[in-house]
Amino acid sequence: MVYLDTSFVAPLILPEATSEKIGKFIAALPVGQLAISHWSRVEFSSLLAREVRMGAFDARAAARADARFEDMIAESIVVLLPDADDFDLAKEYLRHHETGLRAGDALHLAVAKNNNAEAIYSLDKIFLKAGNALSLPVSGGIR
């Protein structure tokens, strides 16, 4: 299983400089092996809400982007439901203060670890630094 952080899947829906590279990278990954957590759905909605507040999107554009995100998930991504073990491990990861890890990212890493992810992809440099410090199989995936 390959775990995708929200920062890695968002460019598939929202136009960013990395969108094309990420699209090609994900298309080359094994079908049926992609996973996110339910937390990713919350983070994506938060990202859309911020874009609306900042005036980059109107509410209709955000709703269309959210619908495309949900369609993409339904078609090709397994959604993992965090459980108590994931929250406990995330709490343990947060005890490593030197990593700069944030709560949401700790939860992503814990869900991926507890579900035996072979790889964890993210574009977030702090996430990647923390994952490396915790000896997790994190990668930026693209160059």
Foldseek 3Di string as FASTA:
>chain_A
DEEEALQLCLCCLDPDPCNVVSVVLVVPDDFPQYEYEVLSLVVLLVVLVVCCVVPVDPPVSSVVSSVVVVVCCVVTYHYHYDDPQLQVQLVVLVVPVVLVDDSSLSSRQSSCVVVVHPEYEHCDPSSQSSCVVVVHRYDPSGD
